[in-house]
C-alpha atoms as a PDB file:
ATOM      1  CA  MET A   1      12.281  -8.279   1.101  1.00  0.00           C
ATOM      2  CA  LYS A   2       9.194  -6.523   3.173  1.00  0.00           C
ATOM      3  CA  VAL A   3       6.675  -5.631   0.876  1.00  0.00           C
ATOM      4  CA  LEU A   4       3.809  -2.847   1.517  1.00  0.00           C
ATOM      5  CA  VAL A   5       0.431  -4.340   0.504  1.00  0.00           C
ATOM      6  CA  ASP A   6      -1.425  -1.204  -1.031  1.00  0.00           C
ATOM      7  CA  THR A   7      -5.450  -0.934  -0.107  1.00  0.00           C
ATOM      8  CA  SER A   8      -6.335  -1.805  -3.601  1.00  0.00           C
ATOM      9  CA  VAL A   9      -4.906  -5.320  -2.655  1.00  0.00           C
ATOM     10  CA  TRP A  10      -6.237  -5.458   1.053  1.00  0.00           C
ATOM     11  CA  SER A  11      -9.649  -4.580  -0.600  1.00  0.00           C
ATOM     12  CA  MET A  12      -9.827  -7.376  -3.128  1.00  0.00           C
ATOM     13  CA  ALA A  13      -8.578  -9.865  -0.182  1.00  0.00           C
ATOM     14  CA  LEU A  14     -11.021  -8.802   2.241  1.00  0.00           C
ATOM     15  CA  ARG A  15     -14.242  -8.922   0.011  1.00  0.00           C
ATOM     16  CA  ARG A  16     -16.194 -11.376   0.867  1.00  0.00           C
ATOM     17  CA  ASN A  17     -16.409 -12.872  -2.691  1.00  0.00           C
ATOM     18  CA  ILE A  18     -12.887 -12.803  -3.051  1.00  0.00           C
ATOM     19  CA  PRO A  19     -11.548 -12.578  -6.741  1.00  0.00           C
ATOM     20  CA  THR A  20      -9.783 -16.188  -7.072  1.00  0.00           C
ATOM     21  CA  ASP A  21      -8.445 -15.405 -10.714  1.00  0.00           C
ATOM     22  CA  ASP A  22      -6.579 -12.434  -9.470  1.00  0.00           C
ATOM     23  CA  PRO A  23      -2.745 -13.309  -8.812  1.00  0.00           C
ATOM     24  CA  ARG A  24      -2.173 -10.420  -6.299  1.00  0.00           C
ATOM     25  CA  ILE A  25      -4.784 -12.372  -3.983  1.00  0.00           C
ATOM     26  CA  GLU A  26      -2.214 -15.309  -4.314  1.00  0.00           C
ATOM     27  CA  THR A  27       0.808 -13.173  -3.656  1.00  0.00           C
ATOM     28  CA  LEU A  28      -0.643 -11.842  -1.061  1.00  0.00           C
ATOM     29  CA  GLY A  29      -1.161 -15.053   0.641  1.00  0.00           C
ATOM     30  CA  GLU A  30       2.400 -15.933  -0.033  1.00  0.00           C
ATOM     31  CA  LEU A  31       4.014 -13.155   1.354  1.00  0.00           C
ATOM     32  CA  LEU A  32       1.621 -13.409   4.720  1.00  0.00           C
ATOM     33  CA  LYS A  33       2.915 -16.854   5.065  1.00  0.00           C
ATOM     34  CA  GLN A  34       6.478 -15.873   4.573  1.00  0.00           C
ATOM     35  CA  GLU A  35       6.143 -12.464   7.090  1.00  0.00           C
ATOM     36  CA  GLN A  36       6.996 -10.445   4.343  1.00  0.00           C
ATOM     37  CA  VAL A  37       4.056  -8.129   4.818  1.00  0.00           C
ATOM     38  CA  VAL A  38       4.191  -4.936   5.948  1.00  0.00           C
ATOM     39  CA  LEU A  39       1.840  -1.694   6.572  1.00  0.00           C
ATOM     40  CA  CYS A  40       1.773   1.835   7.144  1.00  0.00           C
ATOM     41  CA  GLY A  41      -0.943   3.763   9.077  1.00  0.00           C
ATOM     42  CA  ILE A  42      -2.323   5.497   5.971  1.00  0.00           C
ATOM     43  CA  ILE A  43      -2.967   2.200   4.070  1.00  0.00           C
ATOM     44  CA  LEU A  44      -4.242   0.636   7.677  1.00  0.00           C
ATOM     45  CA  GLN A  45      -7.028   3.729   7.679  1.00  0.00           C
ATOM     46  CA  GLU A  46      -8.113   3.326   4.203  1.00  0.00           C
ATOM     47  CA  ILE A  47      -8.820  -0.474   4.896  1.00  0.00           C
ATOM     48  CA  LEU A  48     -10.672  -0.019   8.262  1.00  0.00           C
ATOM     49  CA  GLN A  49     -12.465   3.238   6.997  1.00  0.00           C
ATOM     50  CA  GLY A  50     -14.419   1.361   4.114  1.00  0.00           C
ATOM     51  CA  ILE A  51     -15.576  -1.399   6.715  1.00  0.00           C
ATOM     52  CA  ARG A  52     -19.273  -0.470   7.982  1.00  0.00           C
ATOM     53  CA  ASP A  53     -19.992  -3.803   9.866  1.00  0.00           C
ATOM     54  CA  ASP A  54     -18.687  -3.279  13.654  1.00  0.00           C
ATOM     55  CA  LYS A  55     -17.948  -7.055  14.509  1.00  0.00           C
ATOM     56  CA  ARG A  56     -16.131  -7.464  10.544  1.00  0.00           C
ATOM     57  CA  PHE A  57     -14.227  -3.837  11.552  1.00  0.00           C
ATOM     58  CA  ARG A  58     -13.054  -5.560  14.681  1.00  0.00           C
ATOM     59  CA  LEU A  59     -11.969  -8.742  13.591  1.00  0.00           C
ATOM     60  CA  ILE A  60     -10.299  -6.942  10.606  1.00  0.00           C
ATOM     61  CA  SER A  61      -8.453  -4.648  12.666  1.00  0.00           C
ATOM     62  CA  ASP A  62      -7.528  -7.495  15.474  1.00  0.00           C
ATOM     63  CA  TYR A  63      -6.402  -9.528  12.589  1.00  0.00           C
ATOM     64  CA  LEU A  64      -4.093  -6.475  10.931  1.00  0.00           C
ATOM     65  CA  GLN A  65      -2.481  -5.869  14.038  1.00  0.00           C
ATOM     66  CA  ALA A  66      -0.192  -8.759  13.591  1.00  0.00           C
ATOM     67  CA  VAL A  67       1.153  -7.077  10.425  1.00  0.00           C
ATOM     68  CA  PRO A  68       4.172  -5.064  11.409  1.00  0.00           C
ATOM     69  CA  LEU A  69       3.454  -1.143  10.934  1.00  0.00           C
ATOM     70  CA  ILE A  70       5.949   1.140   9.597  1.00  0.00           C
ATOM     71  CA  ASP A  71       5.853   4.685  10.423  1.00  0.00           C
ATOM     72  CA  LEU A  72       6.138   7.857   8.095  1.00  0.00           C
ATOM     73  CA  ALA A  73       8.964   9.953   8.960  1.00  0.00           C
ATOM     74  CA  TRP A  74       9.631  13.857   8.471  1.00  0.00           C
ATOM     75  CA  SER A  75      12.024  12.957   5.333  1.00  0.00           C
ATOM     76  CA  ASP A  76       8.874  10.984   3.983  1.00  0.00           C
ATOM     77  CA  PHE A  77       6.644  13.875   3.800  1.00  0.00           C
ATOM     78  CA  ILE A  78       9.220  15.852   1.812  1.00  0.00           C
ATOM     79  CA  GLU A  79      10.125  13.013  -0.493  1.00  0.00           C
ATOM     80  CA  ALA A  80       6.705  12.620  -1.564  1.00  0.00           C
ATOM     81  CA  ALA A  81       6.412  16.348  -1.975  1.00  0.00           C
ATOM     82  CA  ARG A  82       9.226  16.164  -4.583  1.00  0.00           C
ATOM     83  CA  ILE A  83       7.664  12.868  -6.220  1.00  0.00           C
ATOM     84  CA  TRP A  84       4.630  14.860  -6.499  1.00  0.00           C
ATOM     85  CA  ASN A  85       6.468  17.880  -8.145  1.00  0.00           C
ATOM     86  CA  LEU A  86       8.041  15.788 -10.532  1.00  0.00           C
ATOM     87  CA  CYS A  87       5.096  13.906 -11.148  1.00  0.00           C
ATOM     88  CA  ARG A  88       3.105  16.933 -11.865  1.00  0.00           C
ATOM     89  CA  SER A  89       5.889  18.790 -14.152  1.00  0.00           C
ATOM     90  CA  ASN A  90       5.939  15.569 -16.290  1.00  0.00           C
ATOM     91  CA  GLY A  91       2.028  15.750 -16.633  1.00  0.00           C
ATOM     92  CA  VAL A  92       1.332  12.662 -14.081  1.00  0.00           C
ATOM     93  CA  GLN A  93      -1.373  13.271 -11.811  1.00  0.00           C
ATOM     94  CA  ALA A  94      -0.359  11.591  -8.828  1.00  0.00           C
ATOM     95  CA  SER A  95      -2.217  11.924  -5.156  1.00  0.00           C
ATOM     96  CA  THR A  96      -0.604  13.233  -2.005  1.00  0.00           C
ATOM     97  CA  VAL A  97      -1.422   9.972  -0.368  1.00  0.00           C
ATOM     98  CA  ASP A  98      -0.025   7.491  -3.193  1.00  0.00           C
ATOM     99  CA  CYS A  99       3.468   9.981  -3.023  1.00  0.00           C
ATOM    100  CA  GLN A 100       3.502   9.226   0.382  1.00  0.00           C
ATOM    101  CA  ILE A 101       3.099   5.599  -0.049  1.00  0.00           C
ATOM    102  CA  ALA A 102       5.863   5.678  -2.579  1.00  0.00           C
ATOM    103  CA  SER A 103       8.132   7.723  -0.903  1.00  0.00           C
ATOM    104  CA  VAL A 104       7.953   5.136   2.536  1.00  0.00           C
ATOM    105  CA  CYS A 105       8.495   2.442   0.411  1.00  0.00           C
ATOM    106  CA  VAL A 106      11.400   3.898  -1.041  1.00  0.00           C
ATOM    107  CA  ARG A 107      12.871   4.823   2.369  1.00  0.00           C
ATOM    108  CA  TYR A 108      12.244   1.130   4.148  1.00  0.00           C
ATOM    109  CA  GLY A 109      13.485  -0.598   0.559  1.00  0.00           C
ATOM    110  CA  CYS A 110       9.957  -2.091   0.508  1.00  0.00           C
ATOM    111  CA  ALA A 111       8.073  -3.311  -2.765  1.00  0.00           C
ATOM    112  CA  LEU A 112       5.001  -2.592  -3.545  1.00  0.00           C
ATOM    113  CA  LEU A 113       1.871  -4.740  -4.149  1.00  0.00           C
ATOM    114  CA  THR A 114      -0.744  -2.968  -5.619  1.00  0.00           C
ATOM    115  CA  ALA A 115      -3.624  -3.162  -8.270  1.00  0.00           C
ATOM    116  CA  ASP A 116      -3.611   0.580  -8.734  1.00  0.00           C
ATOM    117  CA  GLN A 117      -2.195   1.693 -12.038  1.00  0.00           C
ATOM    118  CA  ASP A 118      -1.614   5.335 -10.875  1.00  0.00           C
ATOM    119  CA  PHE A 119       1.969   3.914  -9.262  1.00  0.00           C
ATOM    120  CA  GLN A 120       3.055   2.712 -12.562  1.00  0.00           C
ATOM    121  CA  HIS A 121       2.939   6.235 -13.414  1.00  0.00           C
ATOM    122  CA  ILE A 122       4.547   7.406 -10.235  1.00  0.00           C
ATOM    123  CA  ALA A 123       7.411   4.510 -10.494  1.00  0.00           C
ATOM    124  CA  ARG A 124       8.623   6.264 -13.482  1.00  0.00           C
ATOM    125  CA  TYR A 125       9.609   9.371 -11.336  1.00  0.00           C
ATOM    126  CA  CYS A 126      11.310   7.615  -8.166  1.00  0.00           C
ATOM    127  CA  PRO A 127      13.122   4.106  -7.350  1.00  0.00           C
ATOM    128  CA  LEU A 128       9.691   2.273  -6.440  1.00  0.00           C
ATOM    129  CA  GLN A 129       9.428  -1.370  -6.874  1.00  0.00           C
ATOM    130  CA  LEU A 130       6.387  -2.923  -8.041  1.00  0.00           C
ATOM    131  CA  LEU A 131       5.451  -6.257  -7.710  1.00  0.00           C
END
């Protein structure tokens, strides 16, 4: 199974002082070795826009080019809006971007590796598989 890795996990893994006690970092490493990791454009942009140093920016963007990129389609935006509306009608505040990420995971059958607790709430209203 392919796994979409959320910005929250990439951010931890790409820090200069990587937290060694977080199991998600180890999971990311294993998934990368097994070539199970995918990215989407939203997450790629979020990762890169937090890097201020040009050399580090180029290094990380070059590294991430090896990770397959999955695209969001028209249907993903429609589904993301449906997820957002469903969450909202049940009192859950979900961001537009998080709903887009959830939608693309569902369509591709990917699990989501994340440290963002908001996805726990979103997963109650769509078939999003979390790691």
